[in-house]
């Protein structure tokens, strides 16, 4: 099963073109968060059209396959300091196994496709994403978050782990800024890193819970590669996707000090209206457990 190619305002991914060295590239302003939404829109339109065509021309398959594109549960659990794992993260197998949806990398990838390429930098292969590395020294503050992804082979029915695969993961800080790009953090490279999967197809990052900026549901970007060498050379991306967070956890985290406008921004959004997740987020909604005092753990199974 293959994923649709990414779109994104003419960006090219997976071939290492357009590298911009250093950390001072990309003079972005506040209105470029809106520009990021325009990058995301073509992906939504394409995925929606594909599903509409599939529904019109492949009706017999509906009875044979179990696939839920309804966009998750109809209601969110009550706001609390912790949440139970969602069914989306427990993994799927057999007929329910699908490749994770392909999404845009957005305008702040840092992979050389739109300005700077942090994947070329010594130190990018790391578990702790909270600190900048190299000549940068910034630290991203926020509620602690451990991110665990399990990469599995879709062709095996999601039963076989992808040992030796690699994931490049990045997200905004609690103020909604992206290192390398956003005003005030162009010289930083925190909240970006690469890890290699173990024998169980699992890898882990330690980070902070991202903020919510205008127009997008809280999320994490990631690119999956077949090997660590491919990731650090920025070649042959297997899939680019995004991880979503449950609303109840976001509400709890954003009630803490330091998350600024995230409460208001989240109040204007929903998973069902977000232009990336609105056409289905079952495979992308992480299971999140923990508390604001002890930190959270987000887990997701990624089929490629």
C-alpha atoms as a PDB file:
ATOM      1  CA  UNK A   1       0.000   0.000   0.000  1.00  0.00           C
ATOM      2  CA  UNK A   2       1.465   3.331  -1.002  1.00  0.00           C
ATOM      3  CA  UNK A   3       0.930   6.820   0.289  1.00  0.00           C
ATOM      4  CA  UNK A   4       0.021   9.835  -1.772  1.00  0.00           C
ATOM      5  CA  UNK A   5       2.876  12.220  -2.530  1.00  0.00           C
ATOM      6  CA  UNK A   6       3.151  15.263  -0.333  1.00  0.00           C
ATOM      7  CA  UNK A   7       2.210  18.711  -1.498  1.00  0.00           C
ATOM      8  CA  UNK A   8       3.396  21.845   0.173  1.00  0.00           C
ATOM      9  CA  UNK A   9       3.729  25.051  -1.751  1.00  0.00           C
ATOM     10  CA  UNK A  10       6.265  23.650  -4.197  1.00  0.00           C
ATOM     11  CA  UNK A  11       8.511  22.069  -1.596  1.00  0.00           C
ATOM     12  CA  UNK A  12      10.521  19.062  -2.638  1.00  0.00           C
ATOM     13  CA  UNK A  13      11.090  16.345  -0.073  1.00  0.00           C
ATOM     14  CA  UNK A  14      13.189  13.231   0.080  1.00  0.00           C
ATOM     15  CA  UNK A  15      15.963  14.259  -2.311  1.00  0.00           C
ATOM     16  CA  UNK A  16      18.011  16.639  -0.222  1.00  0.00           C
ATOM     17  CA  UNK A  17      17.590  19.554  -2.643  1.00  0.00           C
ATOM     18  CA  UNK A  18      17.526  23.174  -1.680  1.00  0.00           C
ATOM     19  CA  UNK A  19      19.773  22.837   1.329  1.00  0.00           C
ATOM     20  CA  UNK A  20      20.280  25.992   3.360  1.00  0.00           C
ATOM     21  CA  UNK A  21      23.115  25.776   5.822  1.00  0.00           C
ATOM     22  CA  UNK A  22      23.305  27.429   9.203  1.00  0.00           C
ATOM     23  CA  UNK A  23      20.600  28.392  11.628  1.00  0.00           C
ATOM     24  CA  UNK A  24      19.882  31.923  10.570  1.00  0.00           C
ATOM     25  CA  UNK A  25      17.878  31.174   7.423  1.00  0.00           C
ATOM     26  CA  UNK A  26      14.232  31.803   6.874  1.00  0.00           C
ATOM     27  CA  UNK A  27      13.113  35.344   7.770  1.00  0.00           C
ATOM     28  CA  UNK A  28       9.579  34.572   8.854  1.00  0.00           C
ATOM     29  CA  UNK A  29       6.961  36.814  10.401  1.00  0.00           C
ATOM     30  CA  UNK A  30       3.834  36.174  12.426  1.00  0.00           C
ATOM     31  CA  UNK A  31       1.613  36.023   9.354  1.00  0.00           C
ATOM     32  CA  UNK A  32       3.578  33.049   8.089  1.00  0.00           C
ATOM     33  CA  UNK A  33       1.613  30.756  10.373  1.00  0.00           C
ATOM     34  CA  UNK A  34      -1.258  31.537   7.987  1.00  0.00           C
ATOM     35  CA  UNK A  35       1.068  30.762   5.105  1.00  0.00           C
ATOM     36  CA  UNK A  36       1.616  27.387   6.722  1.00  0.00           C
ATOM     37  CA  UNK A  37      -2.115  26.718   6.480  1.00  0.00           C
ATOM     38  CA  UNK A  38      -2.035  27.358   2.734  1.00  0.00           C
ATOM     39  CA  UNK A  39       0.696  24.731   2.519  1.00  0.00           C
ATOM     40  CA  UNK A  40      -1.520  22.246   4.336  1.00  0.00           C
ATOM     41  CA  UNK A  41      -4.700  22.783   2.296  1.00  0.00           C
ATOM     42  CA  UNK A  42      -3.731  20.881  -0.893  1.00  0.00           C
ATOM     43  CA  UNK A  43      -3.073  17.734   1.150  1.00  0.00           C
ATOM     44  CA  UNK A  44      -6.546  17.838   2.680  1.00  0.00           C
ATOM     45  CA  UNK A  45      -8.192  18.434  -0.699  1.00  0.00           C
ATOM     46  CA  UNK A  46      -6.301  15.551  -2.290  1.00  0.00           C
ATOM     47  CA  UNK A  47      -7.016  13.096   0.499  1.00  0.00           C
ATOM     48  CA  UNK A  48     -10.710  14.033   0.537  1.00  0.00           C
ATOM     49  CA  UNK A  49     -10.983  13.555  -3.259  1.00  0.00           C
ATOM     50  CA  UNK A  50      -9.262  10.173  -3.098  1.00  0.00           C
ATOM     51  CA  UNK A  51     -11.700   8.989  -0.420  1.00  0.00           C
ATOM     52  CA  UNK A  52     -14.714  10.317  -2.298  1.00  0.00           C
ATOM     53  CA  UNK A  53     -13.635   8.525  -5.468  1.00  0.00           C
ATOM     54  CA  UNK A  54     -12.980   5.352  -3.518  1.00  0.00           C
ATOM     55  CA  UNK A  55     -16.458   5.507  -2.031  1.00  0.00           C
ATOM     56  CA  UNK A  56     -18.067   5.945  -5.446  1.00  0.00           C
ATOM     57  CA  UNK A  57     -16.147   3.335  -7.419  1.00  0.00           C
ATOM     58  CA  UNK A  58     -15.200   0.693  -4.837  1.00  0.00           C
ATOM     59  CA  UNK A  59     -18.443   0.120  -2.936  1.00  0.00           C
ATOM     60  CA  UNK A  60     -18.009  -3.689  -2.890  1.00  0.00           C
ATOM     61  CA  UNK A  61     -14.848  -3.255  -0.851  1.00  0.00           C
ATOM     62  CA  UNK A  62     -16.713  -1.578   1.979  1.00  0.00           C
ATOM     63  CA  UNK A  63     -18.292  -4.804   3.116  1.00  0.00           C
ATOM     64  CA  UNK A  64     -14.980  -6.628   2.942  1.00  0.00           C
ATOM     65  CA  UNK A  65     -12.822  -4.112   4.749  1.00  0.00           C
ATOM     66  CA  UNK A  66     -13.228  -2.396   8.078  1.00  0.00           C
ATOM     67  CA  UNK A  67     -12.069   1.230   7.788  1.00  0.00           C
ATOM     68  CA  UNK A  68     -13.227   4.126   9.943  1.00  0.00           C
ATOM     69  CA  UNK A  69     -12.647   7.570   8.452  1.00  0.00           C
ATOM     70  CA  UNK A  70     -15.165   9.247  10.715  1.00  0.00           C
ATOM     71  CA  UNK A  71     -12.416  11.170  12.517  1.00  0.00           C
ATOM     72  CA  UNK A  72     -12.422   9.429  15.870  1.00  0.00           C
ATOM     73  CA  UNK A  73     -14.840   9.461  18.747  1.00  0.00           C
ATOM     74  CA  UNK A  74     -17.830  11.754  18.818  1.00  0.00           C
ATOM     75  CA  UNK A  75     -16.869  13.321  22.118  1.00  0.00           C
ATOM     76  CA  UNK A  76     -13.749  13.937  24.129  1.00  0.00           C
ATOM     77  CA  UNK A  77     -13.255  12.553  27.625  1.00  0.00           C
ATOM     78  CA  UNK A  78     -13.650  14.931  30.519  1.00  0.00           C
ATOM     79  CA  UNK A  79     -10.701  17.193  31.146  1.00  0.00           C
ATOM     80  CA  UNK A  80      -8.324  15.721  33.703  1.00  0.00           C
ATOM     81  CA  UNK A  81      -4.671  15.401  34.537  1.00  0.00           C
ATOM     82  CA  UNK A  82      -4.366  12.162  32.596  1.00  0.00           C
ATOM     83  CA  UNK A  83      -6.076  10.256  29.828  1.00  0.00           C
ATOM     84  CA  UNK A  84      -6.496   6.637  28.863  1.00  0.00           C
ATOM     85  CA  UNK A  85      -4.782   5.286  25.754  1.00  0.00           C
ATOM     86  CA  UNK A  86      -6.807   5.786  22.589  1.00  0.00           C
ATOM     87  CA  UNK A  87      -7.584   2.829  20.358  1.00  0.00           C
ATOM     88  CA  UNK A  88      -5.590   4.455  17.545  1.00  0.00           C
ATOM     89  CA  UNK A  89      -2.278   3.918  19.295  1.00  0.00           C
ATOM     90  CA  UNK A  90      -2.695   0.309  20.321  1.00  0.00           C
ATOM     91  CA  UNK A  91      -1.754  -0.826  16.834  1.00  0.00           C
ATOM     92  CA  UNK A  92      -3.755  -2.501  14.116  1.00  0.00           C
ATOM     93  CA  UNK A  93      -3.283  -5.737  12.287  1.00  0.00           C
ATOM     94  CA  UNK A  94      -4.722  -7.765   9.450  1.00  0.00           C
ATOM     95  CA  UNK A  95      -7.541  -6.156   7.472  1.00  0.00           C
ATOM     96  CA  UNK A  96      -7.494  -3.068   9.709  1.00  0.00           C
ATOM     97  CA  UNK A  97      -3.835  -2.306   8.973  1.00  0.00           C
ATOM     98  CA  UNK A  98      -3.330   0.819   6.864  1.00  0.00           C
ATOM     99  CA  UNK A  99      -0.337   2.989   6.051  1.00  0.00           C
ATOM    100  CA  UNK A 100      -0.399   6.131   8.175  1.00  0.00           C
ATOM    101  CA  UNK A 101      -1.819   9.059   6.160  1.00  0.00           C
ATOM    102  CA  UNK A 102       0.740  11.139   4.316  1.00  0.00           C
ATOM    103  CA  UNK A 103       0.700  14.807   5.318  1.00  0.00           C
ATOM    104  CA  UNK A 104       2.517  17.977   4.387  1.00  0.00           C
ATOM    105  CA  UNK A 105       5.752  18.733   6.198  1.00  0.00           C
ATOM    106  CA  UNK A 106       4.584  22.338   6.442  1.00  0.00           C
ATOM    107  CA  UNK A 107       6.768  25.425   5.942  1.00  0.00           C
ATOM    108  CA  UNK A 108       9.188  24.743   8.825  1.00  0.00           C
ATOM    109  CA  UNK A 109      10.651  21.259   8.140  1.00  0.00           C
ATOM    110  CA  UNK A 110      14.340  21.999   8.640  1.00  0.00           C
ATOM    111  CA  UNK A 111      15.176  19.132   6.289  1.00  0.00           C
ATOM    112  CA  UNK A 112      16.623  21.218   3.453  1.00  0.00           C
ATOM    113  CA  UNK A 113      13.401  21.326   1.433  1.00  0.00           C
ATOM    114  CA  UNK A 114      12.586  24.847   2.637  1.00  0.00           C
ATOM    115  CA  UNK A 115      15.700  26.615   3.836  1.00  0.00           C
ATOM    116  CA  UNK A 116      17.920  25.177   6.585  1.00  0.00           C
ATOM    117  CA  UNK A 117      18.852  21.504   6.810  1.00  0.00           C
ATOM    118  CA  UNK A 118      19.406  20.446  10.414  1.00  0.00           C
ATOM    119  CA  UNK A 119      19.750  16.807   9.332  1.00  0.00           C
ATOM    120  CA  UNK A 120      23.256  17.590   8.080  1.00  0.00           C
ATOM    121  CA  UNK A 121      24.363  18.816  11.497  1.00  0.00           C
ATOM    122  CA  UNK A 122      26.445  16.712  13.844  1.00  0.00           C
ATOM    123  CA  UNK A 123      24.344  16.050  16.923  1.00  0.00           C
ATOM    124  CA  UNK A 124      20.935  15.690  15.233  1.00  0.00           C
ATOM    125  CA  UNK A 125      20.776  11.981  16.190  1.00  0.00           C
ATOM    126  CA  UNK A 126      19.639  12.319  19.782  1.00  0.00           C
ATOM    127  CA  UNK A 127      16.877  11.460  22.213  1.00  0.00           C
ATOM    128  CA  UNK A 128      16.605  14.696  24.217  1.00  0.00           C
ATOM    129  CA  UNK A 129      15.089  17.419  22.025  1.00  0.00           C
ATOM    130  CA  UNK A 130      14.648  20.063  24.718  1.00  0.00           C
ATOM    131  CA  UNK A 131      18.062  21.681  24.171  1.00  0.00           C
ATOM    132  CA  UNK A 132      19.669  23.172  21.099  1.00  0.00           C
ATOM    133  CA  UNK A 133      22.977  21.610  20.050  1.00  0.00           C
ATOM    134  CA  UNK A 134      26.144  22.677  18.266  1.00  0.00           C
ATOM    135  CA  UNK A 135      26.781  26.409  18.548  1.00  0.00           C
ATOM    136  CA  UNK A 136      23.261  27.012  19.919  1.00  0.00           C
ATOM    137  CA  UNK A 137      22.399  26.802  23.608  1.00  0.00           C
ATOM    138  CA  UNK A 138      18.681  27.548  23.961  1.00  0.00           C
ATOM    139  CA  UNK A 139      16.376  25.374  26.044  1.00  0.00           C
ATOM    140  CA  UNK A 140      12.688  24.820  25.270  1.00  0.00           C
ATOM    141  CA  UNK A 141      10.606  25.216  28.412  1.00  0.00           C
ATOM    142  CA  UNK A 142       7.288  23.473  28.973  1.00  0.00           C
ATOM    143  CA  UNK A 143       5.487  20.457  30.413  1.00  0.00           C
ATOM    144  CA  UNK A 144       7.715  17.380  29.898  1.00  0.00           C
ATOM    145  CA  UNK A 145       6.621  15.016  27.120  1.00  0.00           C
ATOM    146  CA  UNK A 146       8.017  11.608  26.186  1.00  0.00           C
ATOM    147  CA  UNK A 147       7.166  10.573  22.612  1.00  0.00           C
ATOM    148  CA  UNK A 148       7.319   6.868  21.735  1.00  0.00           C
ATOM    149  CA  UNK A 149       6.682   5.721  18.162  1.00  0.00           C
ATOM    150  CA  UNK A 150       6.520   2.114  17.002  1.00  0.00           C
ATOM    151  CA  UNK A 151       7.188   1.720  13.278  1.00  0.00           C
ATOM    152  CA  UNK A 152       5.657  -1.390  11.692  1.00  0.00           C
ATOM    153  CA  UNK A 153       5.500  -2.867   8.199  1.00  0.00           C
ATOM    154  CA  UNK A 154       2.045  -2.443   6.656  1.00  0.00           C
ATOM    155  CA  UNK A 155       2.699  -5.181   4.101  1.00  0.00           C
ATOM    156  CA  UNK A 156       2.978  -7.684   6.961  1.00  0.00           C
ATOM    157  CA  UNK A 157      -0.431  -6.688   8.305  1.00  0.00           C
ATOM    158  CA  UNK A 158       1.308  -4.360  10.778  1.00  0.00           C
ATOM    159  CA  UNK A 159       2.674  -7.393  12.642  1.00  0.00           C
ATOM    160  CA  UNK A 160       6.358  -7.000  11.709  1.00  0.00           C
ATOM    161  CA  UNK A 161       8.355  -4.205  13.383  1.00  0.00           C
ATOM    162  CA  UNK A 162      10.649  -2.095  11.201  1.00  0.00           C
ATOM    163  CA  UNK A 163      13.997  -2.581  12.892  1.00  0.00           C
ATOM    164  CA  UNK A 164      16.652  -0.075  11.879  1.00  0.00           C
ATOM    165  CA  UNK A 165      14.237   2.483  10.457  1.00  0.00           C
ATOM    166  CA  UNK A 166      14.710   6.111  11.442  1.00  0.00           C
ATOM    167  CA  UNK A 167      12.400   8.983  12.309  1.00  0.00           C
ATOM    168  CA  UNK A 168      13.108  12.692  12.077  1.00  0.00           C
ATOM    169  CA  UNK A 169      10.675  14.477  14.404  1.00  0.00           C
ATOM    170  CA  UNK A 170      10.037  18.188  14.995  1.00  0.00           C
ATOM    171  CA  UNK A 171       7.429  20.471  16.551  1.00  0.00           C
ATOM    172  CA  UNK A 172       6.858  24.003  17.829  1.00  0.00           C
ATOM    173  CA  UNK A 173       7.726  25.220  21.326  1.00  0.00           C
ATOM    174  CA  UNK A 174       5.175  26.237  23.954  1.00  0.00           C
ATOM    175  CA  UNK A 175       4.972  29.729  22.426  1.00  0.00           C
ATOM    176  CA  UNK A 176       4.107  28.212  19.024  1.00  0.00           C
ATOM    177  CA  UNK A 177       7.496  28.997  17.481  1.00  0.00           C
ATOM    178  CA  UNK A 178       9.570  26.711  15.251  1.00  0.00           C
ATOM    179  CA  UNK A 179      13.327  26.720  15.790  1.00  0.00           C
ATOM    180  CA  UNK A 180      15.413  27.756  12.746  1.00  0.00           C
ATOM    181  CA  UNK A 181      12.478  29.754  11.351  1.00  0.00           C
ATOM    182  CA  UNK A 182      10.417  31.796  13.806  1.00  0.00           C
ATOM    183  CA  UNK A 183      11.365  35.256  15.051  1.00  0.00           C
ATOM    184  CA  UNK A 184      13.425  34.959  18.219  1.00  0.00           C
ATOM    185  CA  UNK A 185      14.531  31.343  17.651  1.00  0.00           C
ATOM    186  CA  UNK A 186      16.168  31.375  14.203  1.00  0.00           C
ATOM    187  CA  UNK A 187      19.508  30.594  15.853  1.00  0.00           C
ATOM    188  CA  UNK A 188      18.085  27.678  17.848  1.00  0.00           C
ATOM    189  CA  UNK A 189      17.592  24.064  16.713  1.00  0.00           C
ATOM    190  CA  UNK A 190      15.740  22.627  19.686  1.00  0.00           C
ATOM    191  CA  UNK A 191      12.678  20.348  19.353  1.00  0.00           C
ATOM    192  CA  UNK A 192      14.214  18.572  16.355  1.00  0.00           C
ATOM    193  CA  UNK A 193      15.948  15.206  16.321  1.00  0.00           C
ATOM    194  CA  UNK A 194      16.451  11.787  14.762  1.00  0.00           C
ATOM    195  CA  UNK A 195      16.253   8.355  16.355  1.00  0.00           C
ATOM    196  CA  UNK A 196      16.687   4.796  15.044  1.00  0.00           C
ATOM    197  CA  UNK A 197      14.172   2.045  15.831  1.00  0.00           C
ATOM    198  CA  UNK A 198      15.155  -0.941  17.956  1.00  0.00           C
ATOM    199  CA  UNK A 199      14.335  -4.614  17.358  1.00  0.00           C
ATOM    200  CA  UNK A 200      10.692  -3.935  18.277  1.00  0.00           C
ATOM    201  CA  UNK A 201      10.483  -1.036  15.812  1.00  0.00           C
ATOM    202  CA  UNK A 202      10.341   1.385  18.743  1.00  0.00           C
ATOM    203  CA  UNK A 203      12.072   4.728  19.364  1.00  0.00           C
ATOM    204  CA  UNK A 204      11.673   7.421  21.994  1.00  0.00           C
ATOM    205  CA  UNK A 205      12.211  11.176  22.247  1.00  0.00           C
ATOM    206  CA  UNK A 206      12.066  13.356  25.343  1.00  0.00           C
ATOM    207  CA  UNK A 207      10.640  16.787  24.655  1.00  0.00           C
ATOM    208  CA  UNK A 208       8.051  19.301  25.869  1.00  0.00           C
ATOM    209  CA  UNK A 209       4.335  19.532  25.118  1.00  0.00           C
ATOM    210  CA  UNK A 210       3.939  21.822  22.079  1.00  0.00           C
ATOM    211  CA  UNK A 211       1.823  24.953  22.182  1.00  0.00           C
ATOM    212  CA  UNK A 212      -1.194  25.684  20.011  1.00  0.00           C
ATOM    213  CA  UNK A 213      -0.767  28.438  17.455  1.00  0.00           C
ATOM    214  CA  UNK A 214      -3.590  30.008  15.398  1.00  0.00           C
ATOM    215  CA  UNK A 215      -5.227  27.809  12.799  1.00  0.00           C
ATOM    216  CA  UNK A 216      -3.750  24.384  13.625  1.00  0.00           C
ATOM    217  CA  UNK A 217      -4.632  21.682  16.120  1.00  0.00           C
ATOM    218  CA  UNK A 218      -1.688  20.781  18.421  1.00  0.00           C
ATOM    219  CA  UNK A 219       0.508  18.373  16.514  1.00  0.00           C
ATOM    220  CA  UNK A 220       3.963  16.923  15.908  1.00  0.00           C
ATOM    221  CA  UNK A 221       5.577  16.473  12.493  1.00  0.00           C
ATOM    222  CA  UNK A 222       7.679  13.457  11.578  1.00  0.00           C
ATOM    223  CA  UNK A 223       9.384  11.826   8.594  1.00  0.00           C
ATOM    224  CA  UNK A 224      10.064   8.081   8.480  1.00  0.00           C
ATOM    225  CA  UNK A 225      13.139   6.762   6.668  1.00  0.00           C
ATOM    226  CA  UNK A 226      14.232   3.200   5.932  1.00  0.00           C
ATOM    227  CA  UNK A 227      17.567   3.758   7.675  1.00  0.00           C
ATOM    228  CA  UNK A 228      19.542   6.197   9.780  1.00  0.00           C
ATOM    229  CA  UNK A 229      21.851   6.844   6.833  1.00  0.00           C
ATOM    230  CA  UNK A 230      18.891   7.855   4.683  1.00  0.00           C
ATOM    231  CA  UNK A 231      17.637  10.217   7.383  1.00  0.00           C
ATOM    232  CA  UNK A 232      20.928  12.053   7.889  1.00  0.00           C
ATOM    233  CA  UNK A 233      21.376  12.283   4.111  1.00  0.00           C
ATOM    234  CA  UNK A 234      17.750  13.456   3.693  1.00  0.00           C
ATOM    235  CA  UNK A 235      16.984  10.943   0.977  1.00  0.00           C
ATOM    236  CA  UNK A 236      14.113   8.566   0.217  1.00  0.00           C
ATOM    237  CA  UNK A 237      11.519   9.581   2.794  1.00  0.00           C
ATOM    238  CA  UNK A 238       9.167   6.617   3.302  1.00  0.00           C
ATOM    239  CA  UNK A 239       6.327   8.746   4.657  1.00  0.00           C
ATOM    240  CA  UNK A 240       5.759  12.195   6.138  1.00  0.00           C
ATOM    241  CA  UNK A 241       2.908  12.522   8.642  1.00  0.00           C
ATOM    242  CA  UNK A 242       1.682  14.252  11.785  1.00  0.00           C
ATOM    243  CA  UNK A 243       0.697  13.157  15.285  1.00  0.00           C
ATOM    244  CA  UNK A 244      -2.352  14.710  16.993  1.00  0.00           C
ATOM    245  CA  UNK A 245      -3.075  15.203  20.707  1.00  0.00           C
ATOM    246  CA  UNK A 246      -6.355  14.483  22.565  1.00  0.00           C
ATOM    247  CA  UNK A 247      -8.338  17.573  23.545  1.00  0.00           C
ATOM    248  CA  UNK A 248      -8.620  16.788  27.255  1.00  0.00           C
ATOM    249  CA  UNK A 249      -4.846  16.627  27.659  1.00  0.00           C
ATOM    250  CA  UNK A 250      -4.362  19.841  25.698  1.00  0.00           C
ATOM    251  CA  UNK A 251      -6.899  21.611  27.917  1.00  0.00           C
ATOM    252  CA  UNK A 252      -5.059  20.497  31.034  1.00  0.00           C
ATOM    253  CA  UNK A 253      -1.580  21.386  29.795  1.00  0.00           C
ATOM    254  CA  UNK A 254      -2.590  24.779  28.453  1.00  0.00           C
ATOM    255  CA  UNK A 255      -4.052  25.754  31.821  1.00  0.00           C
ATOM    256  CA  UNK A 256      -0.498  25.792  33.221  1.00  0.00           C
ATOM    257  CA  UNK A 257       1.851  28.781  33.228  1.00  0.00           C
ATOM    258  CA  UNK A 258       3.828  29.598  30.120  1.00  0.00           C
ATOM    259  CA  UNK A 259       1.511  28.468  27.339  1.00  0.00           C
ATOM    260  CA  UNK A 260       0.348  31.991  26.577  1.00  0.00           C
ATOM    261  CA  UNK A 261      -2.327  32.129  23.911  1.00  0.00           C
ATOM    262  CA  UNK A 262      -2.732  28.356  23.526  1.00  0.00           C
ATOM    263  CA  UNK A 263      -6.000  28.294  25.487  1.00  0.00           C
ATOM    264  CA  UNK A 264      -7.674  30.805  23.197  1.00  0.00           C
ATOM    265  CA  UNK A 265      -6.194  29.295  20.041  1.00  0.00           C
ATOM    266  CA  UNK A 266      -7.344  25.795  20.996  1.00  0.00           C
ATOM    267  CA  UNK A 267     -10.822  27.100  21.784  1.00  0.00           C
ATOM    268  CA  UNK A 268     -11.201  28.173  18.163  1.00  0.00           C
ATOM    269  CA  UNK A 269     -10.278  24.741  16.788  1.00  0.00           C
ATOM    270  CA  UNK A 270     -11.307  21.100  16.829  1.00  0.00           C
ATOM    271  CA  UNK A 271      -9.916  17.879  15.400  1.00  0.00           C
ATOM    272  CA  UNK A 272     -13.003  17.695  13.207  1.00  0.00           C
ATOM    273  CA  UNK A 273     -12.327  21.092  11.622  1.00  0.00           C
ATOM    274  CA  UNK A 274      -8.515  21.088  11.485  1.00  0.00           C
ATOM    275  CA  UNK A 275      -7.587  21.046   7.805  1.00  0.00           C
ATOM    276  CA  UNK A 276      -5.132  18.175   8.280  1.00  0.00           C
ATOM    277  CA  UNK A 277      -7.053  15.931  10.676  1.00  0.00           C
ATOM    278  CA  UNK A 278     -10.646  16.715   9.642  1.00  0.00           C
ATOM    279  CA  UNK A 279     -10.759  13.896   7.076  1.00  0.00           C
ATOM    280  CA  UNK A 280      -9.809  11.261   9.642  1.00  0.00           C
ATOM    281  CA  UNK A 281      -7.334  11.076  12.510  1.00  0.00           C
ATOM    282  CA  UNK A 282      -7.797   7.592  13.950  1.00  0.00           C
ATOM    283  CA  UNK A 283      -4.274   6.530  12.899  1.00  0.00           C
ATOM    284  CA  UNK A 284      -2.691   9.774  14.060  1.00  0.00           C
ATOM    285  CA  UNK A 285      -4.251  10.421  17.476  1.00  0.00           C
ATOM    286  CA  UNK A 286      -1.670   9.546  20.109  1.00  0.00           C
ATOM    287  CA  UNK A 287      -2.484   7.787  23.359  1.00  0.00           C
ATOM    288  CA  UNK A 288      -1.397  10.180  26.095  1.00  0.00           C
ATOM    289  CA  UNK A 289      -0.985   9.406  29.790  1.00  0.00           C
ATOM    290  CA  UNK A 290       0.460  11.363  32.696  1.00  0.00           C
ATOM    291  CA  UNK A 291      -0.012  14.640  34.516  1.00  0.00           C
ATOM    292  CA  UNK A 292       1.226  18.205  34.486  1.00  0.00           C
ATOM    293  CA  UNK A 293       3.287  17.473  37.631  1.00  0.00           C
ATOM    294  CA  UNK A 294       5.085  14.380  36.348  1.00  0.00           C
ATOM    295  CA  UNK A 295       4.896  14.976  32.605  1.00  0.00           C
ATOM    296  CA  UNK A 296       3.162  13.060  29.838  1.00  0.00           C
ATOM    297  CA  UNK A 297       3.890  10.118  27.565  1.00  0.00           C
ATOM    298  CA  UNK A 298       2.484  10.044  24.020  1.00  0.00           C
ATOM    299  CA  UNK A 299       2.549   6.766  22.077  1.00  0.00           C
ATOM    300  CA  UNK A 300       1.620   6.002  18.482  1.00  0.00           C
ATOM    301  CA  UNK A 301       2.012   3.067  16.107  1.00  0.00           C
ATOM    302  CA  UNK A 302       3.152   4.155  12.636  1.00  0.00           C
ATOM    303  CA  UNK A 303       2.535   1.764   9.740  1.00  0.00           C
ATOM    304  CA  UNK A 304       4.669   2.331   6.645  1.00  0.00           C
END
